[in-house]
N, C-alpha and C. Protein backbone atom coordinates (compact mmCIF):
# COMPACT_ATOMS: atom_id res chain seq x y z
N MET A 1 10.20 5.64 -17.95
CA MET A 1 9.90 4.81 -17.14
C MET A 1 8.85 4.52 -16.38
N LYS A 2 8.74 2.99 -16.06
CA LYS A 2 7.74 2.53 -15.36
C LYS A 2 7.93 2.80 -13.69
N LEU A 3 6.88 3.02 -13.20
CA LEU A 3 6.84 3.10 -11.92
C LEU A 3 7.56 1.83 -10.88
N SER A 4 7.45 0.53 -12.01
CA SER A 4 7.39 -0.59 -11.49
C SER A 4 9.38 -0.87 -11.10
N SER A 5 9.85 0.38 -11.88
CA SER A 5 11.54 -0.22 -12.42
C SER A 5 12.05 -0.28 -11.24
N LYS A 6 13.44 -0.68 -11.55
CA LYS A 6 14.02 -0.79 -10.34
C LYS A 6 14.77 0.52 -9.37
N GLU A 7 15.21 1.40 -10.67
CA GLU A 7 15.19 2.72 -10.55
C GLU A 7 14.52 3.38 -9.18
N LYS A 8 13.10 2.96 -9.22
CA LYS A 8 11.64 3.63 -9.07
C LYS A 8 11.49 2.89 -7.56
N ARG A 9 12.25 1.87 -7.17
CA ARG A 9 11.88 0.66 -6.02
C ARG A 9 12.65 1.39 -4.80
N THR A 10 11.71 1.54 -3.40
CA THR A 10 12.69 2.34 -2.46
C THR A 10 12.28 3.60 -2.70
N LYS A 11 11.75 4.27 -3.07
CA LYS A 11 11.83 5.67 -3.27
C LYS A 11 10.16 6.10 -2.15
N GLY A 12 9.57 5.14 -2.18
CA GLY A 12 8.52 6.01 -1.07
C GLY A 12 6.96 5.79 -1.87
N ILE A 13 7.11 5.75 -3.16
CA ILE A 13 6.25 5.97 -4.14
C ILE A 13 4.47 5.06 -3.77
N GLY A 14 5.40 3.14 -3.22
CA GLY A 14 4.04 2.87 -2.93
C GLY A 14 3.41 3.21 -1.47
N THR A 15 4.44 3.68 -0.96
CA THR A 15 4.02 3.95 0.41
C THR A 15 2.93 5.29 0.82
N ASP A 16 3.37 6.21 0.08
CA ASP A 16 2.44 7.66 -0.44
C ASP A 16 0.86 7.31 -0.90
N ALA A 17 0.91 6.33 -2.24
CA ALA A 17 -0.13 5.80 -2.97
C ALA A 17 -1.00 5.02 -1.73
N VAL A 18 -0.71 4.25 -1.25
CA VAL A 18 -1.47 3.71 -0.46
C VAL A 18 -2.00 4.74 1.09
N MET A 19 -0.97 5.16 1.61
CA MET A 19 -1.44 6.37 2.31
C MET A 19 -2.34 7.05 2.04
N ALA A 20 -2.30 7.68 0.61
CA ALA A 20 -3.28 8.68 0.12
C ALA A 20 -4.44 7.79 -0.38
N ILE A 21 -4.45 6.51 -0.91
CA ILE A 21 -5.53 6.02 -0.76
C ILE A 21 -6.52 5.97 0.98
N MET A 22 -5.79 5.50 1.60
CA MET A 22 -5.96 4.90 3.04
C MET A 22 -7.14 6.04 3.42
N ARG A 23 -6.41 7.43 3.15
CA ARG A 23 -6.67 9.07 4.06
C ARG A 23 -8.23 9.10 2.90
N TYR A 24 -8.13 9.18 1.59
CA TYR A 24 -9.26 9.14 1.06
C TYR A 24 -10.70 8.28 1.55
N ALA A 25 -10.33 7.06 1.51
CA ALA A 25 -11.26 5.92 1.67
C ALA A 25 -11.73 6.29 3.27
N PHE A 26 -11.02 6.61 4.17
CA PHE A 26 -11.37 6.59 5.77
C PHE A 26 -11.82 8.03 5.77
N ASP A 27 -11.33 9.41 6.00
CA ASP A 27 -11.75 10.46 5.59
C ASP A 27 -12.78 11.01 4.71
N GLU A 28 -12.75 10.76 3.39
CA GLU A 28 -13.52 11.29 2.30
C GLU A 28 -14.65 10.27 2.34
N LEU A 29 -14.35 8.94 2.32
CA LEU A 29 -15.59 8.50 1.95
C LEU A 29 -16.57 7.66 3.17
N GLY A 30 -15.50 7.56 4.68
CA GLY A 30 -16.07 7.22 6.13
C GLY A 30 -16.03 6.25 6.17
N LEU A 31 -15.47 4.99 5.17
CA LEU A 31 -14.75 3.68 5.49
C LEU A 31 -14.64 3.44 6.85
N ASN A 32 -15.04 1.94 7.20
CA ASN A 32 -13.98 1.49 8.21
C ASN A 32 -13.13 -0.05 8.36
N ARG A 33 -13.27 0.01 6.93
CA ARG A 33 -12.16 -1.21 6.88
C ARG A 33 -11.69 -1.16 5.17
N LEU A 34 -10.59 -1.76 4.80
CA LEU A 34 -10.15 -1.90 3.78
C LEU A 34 -9.87 -3.21 3.49
N ASP A 35 -9.72 -3.75 2.26
CA ASP A 35 -9.02 -4.96 1.93
C ASP A 35 -8.11 -5.28 0.98
N VAL A 36 -7.03 -6.11 1.03
CA VAL A 36 -6.37 -6.21 -0.20
C VAL A 36 -6.05 -7.60 -0.17
N ASN A 37 -6.18 -8.24 -1.80
CA ASN A 37 -5.33 -9.15 -1.94
C ASN A 37 -4.29 -9.44 -2.73
N MET A 38 -2.91 -10.44 -2.23
CA MET A 38 -1.54 -9.90 -3.49
C MET A 38 -1.74 -11.65 -3.19
N PHE A 39 -0.51 -11.94 -3.81
CA PHE A 39 -0.03 -12.73 -4.01
C PHE A 39 0.91 -13.24 -2.95
N THR A 40 0.64 -14.45 -1.97
CA THR A 40 1.59 -15.14 -0.41
C THR A 40 2.89 -14.49 -0.96
N SER A 41 3.31 -14.99 -2.00
CA SER A 41 5.14 -14.85 -1.95
C SER A 41 5.26 -13.54 -2.29
N ASN A 42 4.62 -12.49 -2.42
CA ASN A 42 5.17 -11.03 -2.60
C ASN A 42 5.37 -10.62 -1.58
N GLU A 43 6.92 -10.57 -1.26
CA GLU A 43 7.25 -10.02 0.58
C GLU A 43 7.35 -8.34 -0.09
N PRO A 44 7.62 -8.02 -0.66
CA PRO A 44 7.90 -6.36 -1.11
C PRO A 44 6.36 -5.95 -0.34
N SER A 45 5.62 -6.40 -1.34
CA SER A 45 3.98 -5.97 -0.97
C SER A 45 3.38 -6.04 0.61
N LYS A 46 3.89 -7.30 0.64
CA LYS A 46 3.65 -7.53 2.41
C LYS A 46 4.19 -6.39 3.19
N ARG A 47 5.23 -6.16 3.32
CA ARG A 47 6.51 -5.33 3.52
C ARG A 47 5.38 -3.96 3.48
N LEU A 48 5.33 -3.32 2.62
CA LEU A 48 4.55 -2.14 2.40
C LEU A 48 3.14 -1.72 3.40
N TYR A 49 2.27 -2.88 3.36
CA TYR A 49 1.13 -2.56 3.90
C TYR A 49 1.43 -2.52 5.31
N LYS A 50 2.32 -3.51 6.03
CA LYS A 50 2.60 -3.43 7.34
C LYS A 50 3.01 -2.41 7.58
N LYS A 51 4.16 -1.63 6.31
CA LYS A 51 4.59 -0.25 7.14
C LYS A 51 3.39 0.56 7.47
N CYS A 52 2.52 0.55 6.01
CA CYS A 52 1.28 1.50 6.50
C CYS A 52 0.29 1.23 7.73
N GLY A 53 0.52 0.42 8.74
CA GLY A 53 -0.37 0.20 9.29
C GLY A 53 -1.28 -1.18 9.21
N TRP A 54 -0.89 -1.75 8.26
CA TRP A 54 -2.44 -2.69 7.78
C TRP A 54 -1.89 -4.25 8.90
N SER A 55 -3.11 -5.44 9.15
CA SER A 55 -2.68 -6.14 9.81
C SER A 55 -2.92 -7.18 9.10
N GLU A 56 -2.79 -8.52 8.69
CA GLU A 56 -2.76 -9.89 8.33
C GLU A 56 -3.94 -10.70 9.15
N GLU A 57 -4.86 -10.76 8.51
CA GLU A 57 -6.36 -11.46 9.79
C GLU A 57 -6.39 -13.34 8.93
């Protein structure tokens, strides 16, 4: 079963993945900023990143 399948959506997998990447980037690598590119029409992705504390510039 793919992670993108309807059965796997809204289970928090994406949020966990983004938060883990953020922890690694900031805590382990010492980065100060991350950037993401996505299609402007991808509302689920926008909600995911906003939930993880990202802001649009």
